[in-house]
Amino acid sequence: MKTGKRYAVVQKAICTACGSCADVCPNGAVSILHGCFAQIDISRCAGCGLCARECPAGLIHMEERA
């Protein structure tokens, strides 16, 4: 289901698992794993960047697909 040229990456070690990113993802690519951190399924990520813009801590960035 990859559709974009980019995908989201989260800094798991310092993620607070607030869920803001998961709430805005139109493809359901973001989930909160065990209440500890956000996890992104890059095969479902469209590369729209909504999660990165929504993250209040700025812990999500976009990377180019290979």
N, C-alpha and C. Protein backbone atom coordinates (compact mmCIF):
# COMPACT_ATOMS: atom_id res chain seq x y z
N MET A 1 0.82 -1.20 0.00
CA MET A 1 0.00 0.00 0.00
C MET A 1 0.86 1.26 0.00
N LYS A 2 2.18 1.12 -0.16
CA LYS A 2 3.05 2.28 -0.21
C LYS A 2 2.58 3.20 -1.34
N THR A 3 2.38 4.46 -1.02
CA THR A 3 1.93 5.37 -2.06
C THR A 3 2.83 6.59 -2.22
N GLY A 4 3.55 6.96 -1.18
CA GLY A 4 4.37 8.16 -1.25
C GLY A 4 5.84 7.85 -1.45
N LYS A 5 6.59 8.90 -1.70
CA LYS A 5 8.03 8.77 -1.84
C LYS A 5 8.73 8.82 -0.49
N ARG A 6 7.97 9.14 0.55
CA ARG A 6 8.54 9.24 1.89
C ARG A 6 7.80 8.31 2.85
N TYR A 7 8.37 8.11 4.01
CA TYR A 7 7.70 7.37 5.08
C TYR A 7 8.13 7.97 6.42
N ALA A 8 7.32 7.75 7.43
CA ALA A 8 7.57 8.32 8.75
C ALA A 8 8.43 7.40 9.60
N VAL A 9 9.26 8.03 10.43
CA VAL A 9 10.12 7.31 11.37
C VAL A 9 9.97 8.00 12.72
N VAL A 10 9.78 7.21 13.78
CA VAL A 10 9.61 7.78 15.13
C VAL A 10 10.83 7.46 15.99
N GLN A 11 11.20 8.38 16.85
CA GLN A 11 12.29 8.17 17.81
C GLN A 11 11.69 7.44 19.01
N LYS A 12 11.65 6.13 18.94
CA LYS A 12 10.98 5.29 19.93
C LYS A 12 11.53 5.45 21.34
N ALA A 13 12.82 5.65 21.46
CA ALA A 13 13.45 5.70 22.79
C ALA A 13 12.94 6.84 23.65
N ILE A 14 12.44 7.92 23.01
CA ILE A 14 11.97 9.06 23.80
C ILE A 14 10.50 9.41 23.54
N CYS A 15 9.81 8.57 22.78
CA CYS A 15 8.39 8.77 22.50
C CYS A 15 7.58 8.61 23.79
N THR A 16 6.60 9.49 23.98
CA THR A 16 5.77 9.44 25.20
C THR A 16 4.47 8.66 24.99
N ALA A 17 4.24 8.15 23.80
CA ALA A 17 3.05 7.36 23.48
C ALA A 17 1.75 8.12 23.72
N CYS A 18 1.75 9.41 23.38
CA CYS A 18 0.54 10.22 23.60
C CYS A 18 -0.59 9.84 22.65
N GLY A 19 -0.26 9.28 21.48
CA GLY A 19 -1.27 8.82 20.54
C GLY A 19 -1.74 9.85 19.53
N SER A 20 -1.22 11.07 19.60
CA SER A 20 -1.64 12.11 18.66
C SER A 20 -1.37 11.70 17.22
N CYS A 21 -0.24 11.07 16.98
CA CYS A 21 0.13 10.65 15.62
C CYS A 21 -0.83 9.58 15.10
N ALA A 22 -1.16 8.64 15.95
CA ALA A 22 -2.06 7.56 15.54
C ALA A 22 -3.46 8.09 15.23
N ASP A 23 -3.88 9.11 15.96
CA ASP A 23 -5.21 9.68 15.76
C ASP A 23 -5.37 10.34 14.39
N VAL A 24 -4.29 10.88 13.83
CA VAL A 24 -4.41 11.63 12.57
C VAL A 24 -4.03 10.82 11.34
N CYS A 25 -3.47 9.64 11.50
CA CYS A 25 -3.02 8.86 10.34
C CYS A 25 -4.22 8.35 9.54
N PRO A 26 -4.34 8.77 8.28
CA PRO A 26 -5.50 8.36 7.48
C PRO A 26 -5.46 6.89 7.04
N ASN A 27 -4.28 6.27 7.10
CA ASN A 27 -4.15 4.88 6.66
C ASN A 27 -4.01 3.89 7.81
N GLY A 28 -4.06 4.37 9.04
CA GLY A 28 -3.90 3.48 10.17
C GLY A 28 -2.51 2.88 10.26
N ALA A 29 -1.51 3.60 9.76
CA ALA A 29 -0.14 3.09 9.75
C ALA A 29 0.56 3.26 11.10
N VAL A 30 -0.01 4.09 11.97
CA VAL A 30 0.62 4.36 13.26
C VAL A 30 -0.19 3.72 14.38
N SER A 31 0.52 3.02 15.25
CA SER A 31 -0.13 2.42 16.42
C SER A 31 0.76 2.67 17.63
N ILE A 32 0.16 2.56 18.81
CA ILE A 32 0.92 2.71 20.05
C ILE A 32 1.19 1.30 20.57
N LEU A 33 2.45 0.93 20.64
CA LEU A 33 2.84 -0.41 21.01
C LEU A 33 3.00 -0.54 22.52
N HIS A 34 2.20 -1.39 23.13
CA HIS A 34 2.25 -1.69 24.56
C HIS A 34 2.19 -0.44 25.44
N GLY A 35 1.60 0.65 24.94
CA GLY A 35 1.50 1.88 25.72
C GLY A 35 2.84 2.56 25.94
N CYS A 36 3.85 2.15 25.18
CA CYS A 36 5.21 2.68 25.40
C CYS A 36 5.69 3.66 24.35
N PHE A 37 5.40 3.38 23.08
CA PHE A 37 5.87 4.25 22.00
C PHE A 37 5.06 4.01 20.74
N ALA A 38 5.14 4.97 19.83
CA ALA A 38 4.46 4.85 18.54
C ALA A 38 5.27 3.94 17.63
N GLN A 39 4.56 3.16 16.86
CA GLN A 39 5.19 2.28 15.88
C GLN A 39 4.54 2.55 14.53
N ILE A 40 5.34 2.67 13.50
CA ILE A 40 4.82 2.99 12.18
C ILE A 40 5.04 1.82 11.24
N ASP A 41 3.95 1.38 10.62
CA ASP A 41 4.01 0.32 9.61
C ASP A 41 4.31 1.00 8.28
N ILE A 42 5.58 0.95 7.86
CA ILE A 42 5.96 1.70 6.67
C ILE A 42 5.31 1.16 5.39
N SER A 43 4.81 -0.07 5.43
CA SER A 43 4.12 -0.60 4.25
C SER A 43 2.75 0.05 4.08
N ARG A 44 2.20 0.64 5.16
CA ARG A 44 0.91 1.33 5.09
C ARG A 44 1.06 2.84 5.06
N CYS A 45 2.27 3.33 5.32
CA CYS A 45 2.52 4.77 5.39
C CYS A 45 2.48 5.39 4.00
N ALA A 46 1.65 6.42 3.84
CA ALA A 46 1.52 7.11 2.55
C ALA A 46 2.51 8.25 2.40
N GLY A 47 3.22 8.57 3.47
CA GLY A 47 4.21 9.64 3.40
C GLY A 47 3.62 11.04 3.44
N CYS A 48 2.43 11.18 3.97
CA CYS A 48 1.75 12.48 3.97
C CYS A 48 2.33 13.46 4.99
N GLY A 49 2.95 12.93 6.06
CA GLY A 49 3.56 13.79 7.07
C GLY A 49 2.63 14.32 8.14
N LEU A 50 1.37 13.90 8.12
CA LEU A 50 0.43 14.37 9.14
C LEU A 50 0.88 13.99 10.55
N CYS A 51 1.39 12.79 10.71
CA CYS A 51 1.83 12.35 12.04
C CYS A 51 3.01 13.20 12.53
N ALA A 52 3.93 13.51 11.63
CA ALA A 52 5.09 14.32 12.01
C ALA A 52 4.67 15.72 12.42
N ARG A 53 3.71 16.29 11.72
CA ARG A 53 3.23 17.63 12.07
C ARG A 53 2.44 17.61 13.38
N GLU A 54 1.78 16.52 13.68
CA GLU A 54 0.93 16.43 14.87
C GLU A 54 1.71 16.11 16.14
N CYS A 55 2.86 15.47 16.03
CA CYS A 55 3.63 15.05 17.20
C CYS A 55 4.03 16.27 18.03
N PRO A 56 3.52 16.40 19.27
CA PRO A 56 3.82 17.57 20.07
C PRO A 56 5.28 17.65 20.51
N ALA A 57 5.98 16.53 20.51
CA ALA A 57 7.38 16.51 20.92
C ALA A 57 8.34 16.58 19.73
N GLY A 58 7.81 16.54 18.51
CA GLY A 58 8.64 16.59 17.31
C GLY A 58 9.52 15.36 17.13
N LEU A 59 9.00 14.20 17.52
CA LEU A 59 9.79 12.97 17.49
C LEU A 59 9.60 12.13 16.24
N ILE A 60 8.83 12.62 15.29
CA ILE A 60 8.61 11.89 14.04
C ILE A 60 9.18 12.73 12.90
N HIS A 61 9.95 12.07 12.05
CA HIS A 61 10.48 12.75 10.87
C HIS A 61 10.22 11.88 9.64
N MET A 62 10.33 12.49 8.51
CA MET A 62 10.08 11.79 7.26
C MET A 62 11.39 11.44 6.58
N GLU A 63 11.44 10.24 6.01
CA GLU A 63 12.61 9.78 5.25
C GLU A 63 12.18 9.38 3.85
N GLU A 64 13.11 9.48 2.93
CA GLU A 64 12.86 9.10 1.54
C GLU A 64 12.90 7.58 1.41
N ARG A 65 11.99 7.04 0.62
CA ARG A 65 12.00 5.61 0.33
C ARG A 65 13.15 5.31 -0.61
N ALA A 66 13.72 4.13 -0.46
CA ALA A 66 14.83 3.71 -1.34
C ALA A 66 14.32 3.36 -2.72
